[in-house]
C-alpha atoms as a PDB file:
ATOM      1  CA  MET A   1      25.326  -7.222 -36.321  1.00  0.00           C
ATOM      2  CA  PRO A   2      24.443  -3.489 -36.174  1.00  0.00           C
ATOM      3  CA  ALA A   3      23.728  -1.956 -32.800  1.00  0.00           C
ATOM      4  CA  MET A   4      20.090  -1.179 -32.149  1.00  0.00           C
ATOM      5  CA  PRO A   5      19.352   2.329 -30.889  1.00  0.00           C
ATOM      6  CA  MET A   6      18.076   2.483 -27.332  1.00  0.00           C
ATOM      7  CA  PRO A   7      14.632   4.050 -26.928  1.00  0.00           C
ATOM      8  CA  ASP A   8      14.459   7.304 -25.014  1.00  0.00           C
ATOM      9  CA  PHE A   9      12.558   6.271 -21.879  1.00  0.00           C
ATOM     10  CA  GLN A  10      12.966   9.687 -20.242  1.00  0.00           C
ATOM     11  CA  SER A  11      10.502  11.308 -22.641  1.00  0.00           C
ATOM     12  CA  GLU A  12       7.921   8.525 -22.123  1.00  0.00           C
ATOM     13  CA  ARG A  13       7.968   8.618 -18.312  1.00  0.00           C
ATOM     14  CA  SER A  14       5.218  10.344 -16.447  1.00  0.00           C
ATOM     15  CA  PRO A  15       5.639  11.485 -12.858  1.00  0.00           C
ATOM     16  CA  PRO A  16       5.074   8.742 -10.268  1.00  0.00           C
ATOM     17  CA  PRO A  17       1.728   8.615  -8.454  1.00  0.00           C
ATOM     18  CA  ASN A  18       1.351  10.788  -5.372  1.00  0.00           C
ATOM     19  CA  CYS A  19       1.595   8.498  -2.335  1.00  0.00           C
ATOM     20  CA  TRP A  20      -0.223  11.023  -0.166  1.00  0.00           C
ATOM     21  CA  GLN A  21      -3.336  10.379  -2.279  1.00  0.00           C
ATOM     22  CA  CYS A  22      -3.006   6.559  -2.201  1.00  0.00           C
ATOM     23  CA  ARG A  23      -5.122   4.274  -0.038  1.00  0.00           C
ATOM     24  CA  HIS A  24      -2.110   2.010   0.730  1.00  0.00           C
ATOM     25  CA  PHE A  25       0.180   4.794   1.971  1.00  0.00           C
ATOM     26  CA  ALA A  26       0.849   4.984   5.712  1.00  0.00           C
ATOM     27  CA  ILE A  27       3.174   6.724   8.136  1.00  0.00           C
ATOM     28  CA  SER A  28       5.433   4.304   9.975  1.00  0.00           C
ATOM     29  CA  TRP A  29       6.483   4.451  13.631  1.00  0.00           C
ATOM     30  CA  ASP A  30      10.071   3.853  12.497  1.00  0.00           C
ATOM     31  CA  HIS A  31      11.997   7.158  12.447  1.00  0.00           C
ATOM     32  CA  ALA A  32      14.633   5.732  10.072  1.00  0.00           C
ATOM     33  CA  ARG A  33      11.944   4.657   7.566  1.00  0.00           C
ATOM     34  CA  PRO A  34       8.893   6.871   8.125  1.00  0.00           C
ATOM     35  CA  TYR A  35       6.907   6.045   4.970  1.00  0.00           C
ATOM     36  CA  SER A  36       5.127   2.742   4.410  1.00  0.00           C
ATOM     37  CA  CYS A  37       3.281   1.049   1.560  1.00  0.00           C
ATOM     38  CA  LYS A  38       0.709  -1.492   2.745  1.00  0.00           C
ATOM     39  CA  ALA A  39       0.149  -2.866  -0.772  1.00  0.00           C
ATOM     40  CA  MET A  40       3.804  -3.780  -1.323  1.00  0.00           C
ATOM     41  CA  GLY A  41       4.707  -4.327   2.316  1.00  0.00           C
ATOM     42  CA  PHE A  42       7.788  -2.144   2.761  1.00  0.00           C
ATOM     43  CA  LYS A  43       8.957   0.983   4.582  1.00  0.00           C
ATOM     44  CA  SER A  44      11.422   3.561   3.261  1.00  0.00           C
ATOM     45  CA  LYS A  45      13.047   6.946   3.826  1.00  0.00           C
ATOM     46  CA  ALA A  46      11.574   8.336   0.607  1.00  0.00           C
ATOM     47  CA  LEU A  47       7.995   8.108  -0.616  1.00  0.00           C
ATOM     48  CA  PRO A  48       7.263   4.517  -1.704  1.00  0.00           C
ATOM     49  CA  SER A  49       6.332   5.513  -5.272  1.00  0.00           C
ATOM     50  CA  LEU A  50       9.732   7.168  -5.671  1.00  0.00           C
ATOM     51  CA  GLU A  51      11.466   4.028  -4.358  1.00  0.00           C
ATOM     52  CA  VAL A  52       9.518   1.864  -6.824  1.00  0.00           C
ATOM     53  CA  MET A  53      10.473   4.204  -9.658  1.00  0.00           C
ATOM     54  CA  ARG A  54      14.128   4.157  -8.592  1.00  0.00           C
ATOM     55  CA  ILE A  55      14.360   0.370  -8.228  1.00  0.00           C
ATOM     56  CA  ASP A  56      11.985  -0.887 -10.924  1.00  0.00           C
ATOM     57  CA  GLY A  57      12.129   1.997 -13.378  1.00  0.00           C
ATOM     58  CA  GLN A  58       8.345   1.967 -13.733  1.00  0.00           C
ATOM     59  CA  ALA A  59       5.530   3.807 -11.993  1.00  0.00           C
ATOM     60  CA  CYS A  60       3.898   2.163  -8.990  1.00  0.00           C
ATOM     61  CA  ARG A  61       1.257  -0.338 -10.046  1.00  0.00           C
ATOM     62  CA  GLY A  62      -0.347  -0.575  -6.604  1.00  0.00           C
ATOM     63  CA  PHE A  63      -1.696   2.973  -6.548  1.00  0.00           C
ATOM     64  CA  VAL A  64      -5.364   3.230  -5.553  1.00  0.00           C
ATOM     65  CA  SER A  65      -6.825   6.681  -5.081  1.00  0.00           C
ATOM     66  CA  LYS A  66      -8.345   7.363  -1.667  1.00  0.00           C
ATOM     67  CA  GLY A  67     -11.476   8.600  -3.403  1.00  0.00           C
ATOM     68  CA  SER A  68     -12.051   5.392  -5.373  1.00  0.00           C
ATOM     69  CA  LEU A  69     -12.947   2.191  -3.598  1.00  0.00           C
ATOM     70  CA  PRO A  70     -14.448  -0.875  -5.283  1.00  0.00           C
ATOM     71  CA  THR A  71     -17.720  -2.094  -3.769  1.00  0.00           C
ATOM     72  CA  THR A  72     -16.300  -5.503  -2.873  1.00  0.00           C
ATOM     73  CA  LEU A  73     -13.477  -3.987  -0.797  1.00  0.00           C
ATOM     74  CA  HIS A  74     -15.888  -1.595   0.894  1.00  0.00           C
ATOM     75  CA  GLN A  75     -18.047  -4.489   2.043  1.00  0.00           C
ATOM     76  CA  GLN A  76     -15.014  -6.325   3.441  1.00  0.00           C
ATOM     77  CA  GLU A  77     -13.853  -3.296   5.426  1.00  0.00           C
ATOM     78  CA  VAL A  78     -17.120  -2.912   7.337  1.00  0.00           C
ATOM     79  CA  VAL A  79     -16.386  -3.696  10.965  1.00  0.00           C
ATOM     80  CA  ARG A  80     -19.235  -5.356  12.776  1.00  0.00           C
ATOM     81  CA  PRO A  81     -19.427  -5.171  16.573  1.00  0.00           C
ATOM     82  CA  VAL A  82     -18.558  -8.398  18.328  1.00  0.00           C
ATOM     83  CA  GLN A  83     -21.216  -9.808  20.625  1.00  0.00           C
ATOM     84  CA  PRO A  84     -19.813 -10.450  24.114  1.00  0.00           C
ATOM     85  CA  ALA A  85     -19.893 -14.061  25.215  1.00  0.00           C
ATOM     86  CA  LYS A  86     -22.473 -14.953  27.847  1.00  0.00           C
ATOM     87  CA  PRO A  87     -20.939 -15.916  31.170  1.00  0.00           C
ATOM     88  CA  SER A  88     -21.058 -19.604  32.011  1.00  0.00           C
ATOM     89  CA  ARG A  89     -23.178 -20.701  34.976  1.00  0.00           C
ATOM     90  CA  GLN A  90     -21.442 -24.034  35.297  1.00  0.00           C
ATOM     91  CA  VAL A  91     -19.135 -24.635  38.213  1.00  0.00           C
ATOM     92  CA  TRP A  92     -15.959 -26.437  37.302  1.00  0.00           C
ATOM     93  CA  GLU A  93     -14.176 -28.625  39.810  1.00  0.00           C
ATOM     94  CA  ALA A  94     -10.557 -29.603  39.592  1.00  0.00           C
END
């Protein structure tokens, strides 16, 4: 059986997304792993998109630009103030 030529993936690759412009990117408190990806749930020494590219060989699929936000997510992120509970006037006996 003749060997099939391997495709040249290097020419097809585009640079990974910029984590600094992603909504899921965060700075971690951990000095050993300062960068965090909330979408994929991991921390690393390098930018998360570079780690994904290194491990998976493909660009990060969780990238969401900070400028773009779907309406449904925006409505979920609205924080409503919590009404304080009214104090009870009942006296409890043990």
